């Protein structure tokens, strides 16, 4: 999950820049998933869905690894 910043003045002011930012974010977040098996993808998705609605008082969920730091083995 990632928030993509809009170009100065908003996406409607610079559609090419907004599209480039979106493309960069999609590639950055989807490329690491290409090497994963269907089973691994499903397990990651189920783990994410199971965490919906939970909260922590002291930070990040145990075992959470941000998408940009994940490897095929995790």
PDB file of N, CA and C in Angstrom:
ATOM      1  N   UNK A   1       0.848  -1.180   0.000  1.00  0.00           N
ATOM      2  CA  UNK A   1       0.000   0.000   0.000  1.00  0.00           C
ATOM      3  C   UNK A   1       0.887   1.234   0.000  1.00  0.00           C
ATOM      4  N   UNK A   2       0.450   2.201  -0.726  1.00  0.00           N
ATOM      5  CA  UNK A   2       1.266   3.405  -0.860  1.00  0.00           C
ATOM      6  C   UNK A   2       0.372   4.569  -1.265  1.00  0.00           C
ATOM      7  N   UNK A   3       0.673   5.731  -0.741  1.00  0.00           N
ATOM      8  CA  UNK A   3      -0.004   6.954  -1.167  1.00  0.00           C
ATOM      9  C   UNK A   3       0.881   7.600  -2.221  1.00  0.00           C
ATOM     10  N   UNK A   4       0.302   7.899  -3.363  1.00  0.00           N
ATOM     11  CA  UNK A   4       1.050   8.506  -4.463  1.00  0.00           C
ATOM     12  C   UNK A   4       0.796  10.006  -4.433  1.00  0.00           C
ATOM     13  N   UNK A   5       1.872  10.765  -4.288  1.00  0.00           N
ATOM     14  CA  UNK A   5       1.724  12.219  -4.239  1.00  0.00           C
ATOM     15  C   UNK A   5       1.328  12.761  -5.603  1.00  0.00           C
ATOM     16  N   UNK A   6       0.451  13.742  -5.579  1.00  0.00           N
ATOM     17  CA  UNK A   6       0.027  14.388  -6.821  1.00  0.00           C
ATOM     18  C   UNK A   6       1.058  15.433  -7.235  1.00  0.00           C
ATOM     19  N   UNK A   7       1.105  15.743  -8.520  1.00  0.00           N
ATOM     20  CA  UNK A   7       1.966  16.836  -8.970  1.00  0.00           C
ATOM     21  C   UNK A   7       1.488  18.159  -8.358  1.00  0.00           C
ATOM     22  N   UNK A   8       2.358  19.138  -8.323  1.00  0.00           N
ATOM     23  CA  UNK A   8       2.006  20.454  -7.807  1.00  0.00           C
ATOM     24  C   UNK A   8       0.761  20.973  -8.525  1.00  0.00           C
ATOM     25  N   UNK A   9      -0.246  21.369  -7.779  1.00  0.00           N
ATOM     26  CA  UNK A   9      -1.485  21.878  -8.360  1.00  0.00           C
ATOM     27  C   UNK A   9      -2.534  20.810  -8.594  1.00  0.00           C
ATOM     28  N   UNK A  10      -2.178  19.556  -8.405  1.00  0.00           N
ATOM     29  CA  UNK A  10      -3.144  18.473  -8.578  1.00  0.00           C
ATOM     30  C   UNK A  10      -2.919  17.701  -9.865  1.00  0.00           C
ATOM     31  N   UNK A  11      -3.448  16.492  -9.888  1.00  0.00           N
ATOM     32  CA  UNK A  11      -3.265  15.617 -11.047  1.00  0.00           C
ATOM     33  C   UNK A  11      -3.861  16.223 -12.311  1.00  0.00           C
ATOM     34  N   UNK A  12      -4.937  16.985 -12.158  1.00  0.00           N
ATOM     35  CA  UNK A  12      -5.580  17.576 -13.334  1.00  0.00           C
ATOM     36  C   UNK A  12      -4.722  18.664 -13.985  1.00  0.00           C
ATOM     37  N   UNK A  13      -3.730  19.169 -13.257  1.00  0.00           N
ATOM     38  CA  UNK A  13      -2.844  20.202 -13.805  1.00  0.00           C
ATOM     39  C   UNK A  13      -1.713  19.603 -14.638  1.00  0.00           C
ATOM     40  N   UNK A  14      -1.375  18.350 -14.359  1.00  0.00           N
ATOM     41  CA  UNK A  14      -0.279  17.707 -15.098  1.00  0.00           C
ATOM     42  C   UNK A  14      -0.559  16.216 -15.212  1.00  0.00           C
ATOM     43  N   UNK A  15      -1.429  15.872 -16.127  1.00  0.00           N
ATOM     44  CA  UNK A  15      -1.804  14.475 -16.316  1.00  0.00           C
ATOM     45  C   UNK A  15      -0.603  13.587 -16.655  1.00  0.00           C
ATOM     46  N   UNK A  16       0.318  14.005 -17.530  1.00  0.00           N
ATOM     47  CA  UNK A  16       1.478  13.146 -17.812  1.00  0.00           C
ATOM     48  C   UNK A  16       2.312  12.855 -16.560  1.00  0.00           C
ATOM     49  N   UNK A  17       2.516  13.862 -15.710  1.00  0.00           N
ATOM     50  CA  UNK A  17       3.277  13.666 -14.477  1.00  0.00           C
ATOM     51  C   UNK A  17       2.523  12.732 -13.534  1.00  0.00           C
ATOM     52  N   UNK A  18       1.226  12.920 -13.411  1.00  0.00           N
ATOM     53  CA  UNK A  18       0.417  12.057 -12.548  1.00  0.00           C
ATOM     54  C   UNK A  18       0.469  10.612 -13.041  1.00  0.00           C
ATOM     55  N   UNK A  19       0.373  10.424 -14.344  1.00  0.00           N
ATOM     56  CA  UNK A  19       0.429   9.075 -14.919  1.00  0.00           C
ATOM     57  C   UNK A  19       1.798   8.433 -14.689  1.00  0.00           C
ATOM     58  N   UNK A  20       2.855   9.214 -14.822  1.00  0.00           N
ATOM     59  CA  UNK A  20       4.206   8.693 -14.594  1.00  0.00           C
ATOM     60  C   UNK A  20       4.384   8.275 -13.142  1.00  0.00           C
ATOM     61  N   UNK A  21       3.855   9.063 -12.213  1.00  0.00           N
ATOM     62  CA  UNK A  21       3.940   8.717 -10.790  1.00  0.00           C
ATOM     63  C   UNK A  21       3.170   7.431 -10.503  1.00  0.00           C
ATOM     64  N   UNK A  22       2.003   7.297 -11.116  1.00  0.00           N
ATOM     65  CA  UNK A  22       1.200   6.091 -10.936  1.00  0.00           C
ATOM     66  C   UNK A  22       1.927   4.875 -11.499  1.00  0.00           C
ATOM     67  N   UNK A  23       2.482   5.023 -12.696  1.00  0.00           N
ATOM     68  CA  UNK A  23       3.222   3.911 -13.301  1.00  0.00           C
ATOM     69  C   UNK A  23       4.401   3.495 -12.426  1.00  0.00           C
ATOM     70  N   UNK A  24       5.164   4.468 -11.933  1.00  0.00           N
ATOM     71  CA  UNK A  24       6.308   4.168 -11.067  1.00  0.00           C
ATOM     72  C   UNK A  24       5.867   3.395  -9.830  1.00  0.00           C
ATOM     73  N   UNK A  25       4.780   3.827  -9.204  1.00  0.00           N
ATOM     74  CA  UNK A  25       4.290   3.162  -7.997  1.00  0.00           C
ATOM     75  C   UNK A  25       3.804   1.749  -8.305  1.00  0.00           C
ATOM     76  N   UNK A  26       3.102   1.578  -9.417  1.00  0.00           N
ATOM     77  CA  UNK A  26       2.620   0.244  -9.791  1.00  0.00           C
ATOM     78  C   UNK A  26       3.781  -0.710 -10.043  1.00  0.00           C
ATOM     79  N   UNK A  27       4.767  -0.264 -10.801  1.00  0.00           N
ATOM     80  CA  UNK A  27       5.926  -1.111 -11.089  1.00  0.00           C
ATOM     81  C   UNK A  27       6.665  -1.443  -9.796  1.00  0.00           C
ATOM     82  N   UNK A  28       6.892  -0.440  -8.957  1.00  0.00           N
ATOM     83  CA  UNK A  28       7.624  -0.631  -7.706  1.00  0.00           C
ATOM     84  C   UNK A  28       6.916  -1.632  -6.796  1.00  0.00           C
ATOM     85  N   UNK A  29       5.593  -1.610  -6.774  1.00  0.00           N
ATOM     86  CA  UNK A  29       4.846  -2.480  -5.869  1.00  0.00           C
ATOM     87  C   UNK A  29       4.486  -3.835  -6.470  1.00  0.00           C
ATOM     88  N   UNK A  30       4.380  -3.929  -7.783  1.00  0.00           N
ATOM     89  CA  UNK A  30       3.993  -5.195  -8.409  1.00  0.00           C
ATOM     90  C   UNK A  30       5.185  -6.045  -8.844  1.00  0.00           C
ATOM     91  N   UNK A  31       6.284  -5.410  -9.207  1.00  0.00           N
ATOM     92  CA  UNK A  31       7.453  -6.149  -9.680  1.00  0.00           C
ATOM     93  C   UNK A  31       7.935  -7.205  -8.680  1.00  0.00           C
ATOM     94  N   UNK A  32       8.003  -6.895  -7.377  1.00  0.00           N
ATOM     95  CA  UNK A  32       8.462  -7.912  -6.423  1.00  0.00           C
ATOM     96  C   UNK A  32       7.534  -9.130  -6.340  1.00  0.00           C
ATOM     97  N   UNK A  33       6.306  -8.990  -6.791  1.00  0.00           N
ATOM     98  CA  UNK A  33       5.349 -10.094  -6.708  1.00  0.00           C
ATOM     99  C   UNK A  33       5.477 -11.072  -7.871  1.00  0.00           C
ATOM    100  N   UNK A  34       6.169 -10.680  -8.931  1.00  0.00           N
ATOM    101  CA  UNK A  34       6.247 -11.510 -10.133  1.00  0.00           C
ATOM    102  C   UNK A  34       6.843 -12.888  -9.876  1.00  0.00           C
ATOM    103  N   UNK A  35       7.791 -12.985  -8.979  1.00  0.00           N
ATOM    104  CA  UNK A  35       8.445 -14.266  -8.722  1.00  0.00           C
ATOM    105  C   UNK A  35       7.747 -15.139  -7.704  1.00  0.00           C
ATOM    106  N   UNK A  36       6.661 -14.652  -7.126  1.00  0.00           N
ATOM    107  CA  UNK A  36       5.981 -15.414  -6.084  1.00  0.00           C
ATOM    108  C   UNK A  36       4.981 -16.400  -6.675  1.00  0.00           C
ATOM    109  N   UNK A  37       4.835 -17.517  -6.000  1.00  0.00           N
ATOM    110  CA  UNK A  37       3.852 -18.512  -6.427  1.00  0.00           C
ATOM    111  C   UNK A  37       2.449 -18.027  -6.082  1.00  0.00           C
ATOM    112  N   UNK A  38       1.471 -18.648  -6.697  1.00  0.00           N
ATOM    113  CA  UNK A  38       0.075 -18.324  -6.391  1.00  0.00           C
ATOM    114  C   UNK A  38      -0.199 -18.541  -4.911  1.00  0.00           C
ATOM    115  N   UNK A  39       0.333 -19.621  -4.366  1.00  0.00           N
ATOM    116  CA  UNK A  39       0.123 -19.924  -2.949  1.00  0.00           C
ATOM    117  C   UNK A  39       0.700 -18.828  -2.056  1.00  0.00           C
ATOM    118  N   UNK A  40       1.904 -18.353  -2.379  1.00  0.00           N
ATOM    119  CA  UNK A  40       2.531 -17.292  -1.584  1.00  0.00           C
ATOM    120  C   UNK A  40       1.737 -15.994  -1.691  1.00  0.00           C
ATOM    121  N   UNK A  41       1.275 -15.683  -2.901  1.00  0.00           N
ATOM    122  CA  UNK A  41       0.470 -14.472  -3.087  1.00  0.00           C
ATOM    123  C   UNK A  41      -0.818 -14.547  -2.277  1.00  0.00           C
ATOM    124  N   UNK A  42      -1.480 -15.697  -2.317  1.00  0.00           N
ATOM    125  CA  UNK A  42      -2.724 -15.862  -1.562  1.00  0.00           C
ATOM    126  C   UNK A  42      -2.479 -15.757  -0.064  1.00  0.00           C
ATOM    127  N   UNK A  43      -1.398 -16.356   0.417  1.00  0.00           N
ATOM    128  CA  UNK A  43      -1.098 -16.296   1.848  1.00  0.00           C
ATOM    129  C   UNK A  43      -0.842 -14.854   2.283  1.00  0.00           C
ATOM    130  N   UNK A  44      -0.103 -14.095   1.480  1.00  0.00           N
ATOM    131  CA  UNK A  44       0.139 -12.688   1.816  1.00  0.00           C
ATOM    132  C   UNK A  44      -1.171 -11.907   1.832  1.00  0.00           C
ATOM    133  N   UNK A  45      -2.031 -12.171   0.857  1.00  0.00           N
ATOM    134  CA  UNK A  45      -3.313 -11.467   0.776  1.00  0.00           C
ATOM    135  C   UNK A  45      -4.187 -11.815   1.976  1.00  0.00           C
ATOM    136  N   UNK A  46      -4.277 -13.104   2.310  1.00  0.00           N
ATOM    137  CA  UNK A  46      -5.092 -13.512   3.456  1.00  0.00           C
ATOM    138  C   UNK A  46      -4.556 -12.903   4.750  1.00  0.00           C
ATOM    139  N   UNK A  47      -3.234 -12.879   4.906  1.00  0.00           N
ATOM    140  CA  UNK A  47      -2.639 -12.289   6.107  1.00  0.00           C
ATOM    141  C   UNK A  47      -2.995 -10.810   6.200  1.00  0.00           C
ATOM    142  N   UNK A  48      -2.963 -10.120   5.080  1.00  0.00           N
ATOM    143  CA  UNK A  48      -3.308  -8.695   5.072  1.00  0.00           C
ATOM    144  C   UNK A  48      -4.776  -8.486   5.437  1.00  0.00           C
ATOM    145  N   UNK A  49      -5.648  -9.286   4.847  1.00  0.00           N
ATOM    146  CA  UNK A  49      -7.084  -9.149   5.115  1.00  0.00           C
ATOM    147  C   UNK A  49      -7.395  -9.469   6.574  1.00  0.00           C
ATOM    148  N   UNK A  50      -6.716 -10.467   7.128  1.00  0.00           N
ATOM    149  CA  UNK A  50      -6.968 -10.835   8.531  1.00  0.00           C
ATOM    150  C   UNK A  50      -6.577  -9.716   9.494  1.00  0.00           C
ATOM    151  N   UNK A  51      -5.678  -8.835   9.080  1.00  0.00           N
ATOM    152  CA  UNK A  51      -5.236  -7.740   9.948  1.00  0.00           C
ATOM    153  C   UNK A  51      -6.161  -6.529   9.892  1.00  0.00           C
ATOM    154  N   UNK A  52      -7.087  -6.503   8.941  1.00  0.00           N
ATOM    155  CA  UNK A  52      -7.983  -5.358   8.806  1.00  0.00           C
ATOM    156  C   UNK A  52      -8.795  -5.192  10.085  1.00  0.00           C
ATOM    157  N   UNK A  53      -8.833  -3.987  10.583  1.00  0.00           N
ATOM    158  CA  UNK A  53      -9.604  -3.686  11.778  1.00  0.00           C
ATOM    159  C   UNK A  53      -8.820  -3.835  13.066  1.00  0.00           C
ATOM    160  N   UNK A  54      -7.632  -4.412  12.991  1.00  0.00           N
ATOM    161  CA  UNK A  54      -6.827  -4.538  14.203  1.00  0.00           C
ATOM    162  C   UNK A  54      -5.961  -3.285  14.344  1.00  0.00           C
ATOM    163  N   UNK A  55      -5.515  -3.037  15.545  1.00  0.00           N
ATOM    164  CA  UNK A  55      -4.648  -1.890  15.771  1.00  0.00           C
ATOM    165  C   UNK A  55      -3.610  -2.255  16.813  1.00  0.00           C
ATOM    166  N   UNK A  56      -2.560  -1.494  16.847  1.00  0.00           N
ATOM    167  CA  UNK A  56      -1.487  -1.700  17.808  1.00  0.00           C
ATOM    168  C   UNK A  56      -1.231  -0.399  18.531  1.00  0.00           C
ATOM    169  N   UNK A  57      -0.882  -0.509  19.787  1.00  0.00           N
ATOM    170  CA  UNK A  57      -0.565   0.696  20.543  1.00  0.00           C
ATOM    171  C   UNK A  57       0.906   1.067  20.427  1.00  0.00           C
ATOM    172  N   UNK A  58       1.744   0.117  20.007  1.00  0.00           N
ATOM    173  CA  UNK A  58       3.185   0.383  20.013  1.00  0.00           C
ATOM    174  C   UNK A  58       3.851   0.243  18.648  1.00  0.00           C
ATOM    175  N   UNK A  59       3.106   0.305  17.574  1.00  0.00           N
ATOM    176  CA  UNK A  59       3.781   0.299  16.280  1.00  0.00           C
ATOM    177  C   UNK A  59       3.271  -0.683  15.264  1.00  0.00           C
ATOM    178  N   UNK A  60       4.196  -1.396  14.672  1.00  0.00           N
ATOM    179  CA  UNK A  60       3.938  -2.228  13.507  1.00  0.00           C
ATOM    180  C   UNK A  60       3.564  -3.653  13.927  1.00  0.00           C
ATOM    181  N   UNK A  61       2.701  -4.328  13.151  1.00  0.00           N
ATOM    182  CA  UNK A  61       2.348  -5.709  13.473  1.00  0.00           C
ATOM    183  C   UNK A  61       3.583  -6.605  13.500  1.00  0.00           C
ATOM    184  N   UNK A  62       3.578  -7.573  14.391  1.00  0.00           N
ATOM    185  CA  UNK A  62       4.692  -8.501  14.490  1.00  0.00           C
ATOM    186  C   UNK A  62       4.844  -9.253  13.169  1.00  0.00           C
ATOM    187  N   UNK A  63       6.049  -9.289  12.661  1.00  0.00           N
ATOM    188  CA  UNK A  63       6.326  -9.994  11.426  1.00  0.00           C
ATOM    189  C   UNK A  63       6.045  -9.202  10.160  1.00  0.00           C
ATOM    190  N   UNK A  64       5.540  -7.970  10.287  1.00  0.00           N
ATOM    191  CA  UNK A  64       5.224  -7.173   9.099  1.00  0.00           C
ATOM    192  C   UNK A  64       6.501  -6.735   8.396  1.00  0.00           C
ATOM    193  N   UNK A  65       6.529  -6.901   7.088  1.00  0.00           N
ATOM    194  CA  UNK A  65       7.646  -6.438   6.266  1.00  0.00           C
ATOM    195  C   UNK A  65       7.056  -5.570   5.161  1.00  0.00           C
ATOM    196  N   UNK A  66       7.465  -4.301   5.078  1.00  0.00           N
ATOM    197  CA  UNK A  66       6.944  -3.435   4.019  1.00  0.00           C
ATOM    198  C   UNK A  66       7.196  -4.049   2.644  1.00  0.00           C
ATOM    199  N   UNK A  67       6.285  -3.823   1.694  1.00  0.00           N
ATOM    200  CA  UNK A  67       6.415  -4.443   0.370  1.00  0.00           C
ATOM    201  C   UNK A  67       7.768  -4.220  -0.299  1.00  0.00           C
ATOM    202  N   UNK A  68       8.340  -3.032  -0.148  1.00  0.00           N
ATOM    203  CA  UNK A  68       9.606  -2.753  -0.835  1.00  0.00           C
ATOM    204  C   UNK A  68      10.794  -3.490  -0.219  1.00  0.00           C
ATOM    205  N   UNK A  69      10.604  -4.097   0.973  1.00  0.00           N
ATOM    206  CA  UNK A  69      11.683  -4.840   1.619  1.00  0.00           C
ATOM    207  C   UNK A  69      11.480  -6.350   1.552  1.00  0.00           C
ATOM    208  N   UNK A  70      10.387  -6.793   0.957  1.00  0.00           N
ATOM    209  CA  UNK A  70      10.090  -8.226   0.895  1.00  0.00           C
ATOM    210  C   UNK A  70      10.957  -8.915  -0.142  1.00  0.00           C
ATOM    211  N   UNK A  71      11.300 -10.157   0.160  1.00  0.00           N
ATOM    212  CA  UNK A  71      12.023 -10.979  -0.809  1.00  0.00           C
ATOM    213  C   UNK A  71      11.154 -12.184  -1.140  1.00  0.00           C
ATOM    214  N   UNK A  72      11.565 -12.957  -2.123  1.00  0.00           N
ATOM    215  CA  UNK A  72      10.797 -14.141  -2.512  1.00  0.00           C
ATOM    216  C   UNK A  72      10.674 -15.123  -1.358  1.00  0.00           C
ATOM    217  N   UNK A  73      11.669 -15.173  -0.483  1.00  0.00           N
ATOM    218  CA  UNK A  73      11.667 -16.140   0.611  1.00  0.00           C
ATOM    219  C   UNK A  73      10.714 -15.766   1.731  1.00  0.00           C
ATOM    220  N   UNK A  74      10.303 -14.489   1.832  1.00  0.00           N
ATOM    221  CA  UNK A  74       9.454 -14.084   2.954  1.00  0.00           C
ATOM    222  C   UNK A  74       7.997 -14.231   2.655  1.00  0.00           C
TER     223      UNK A  74
END
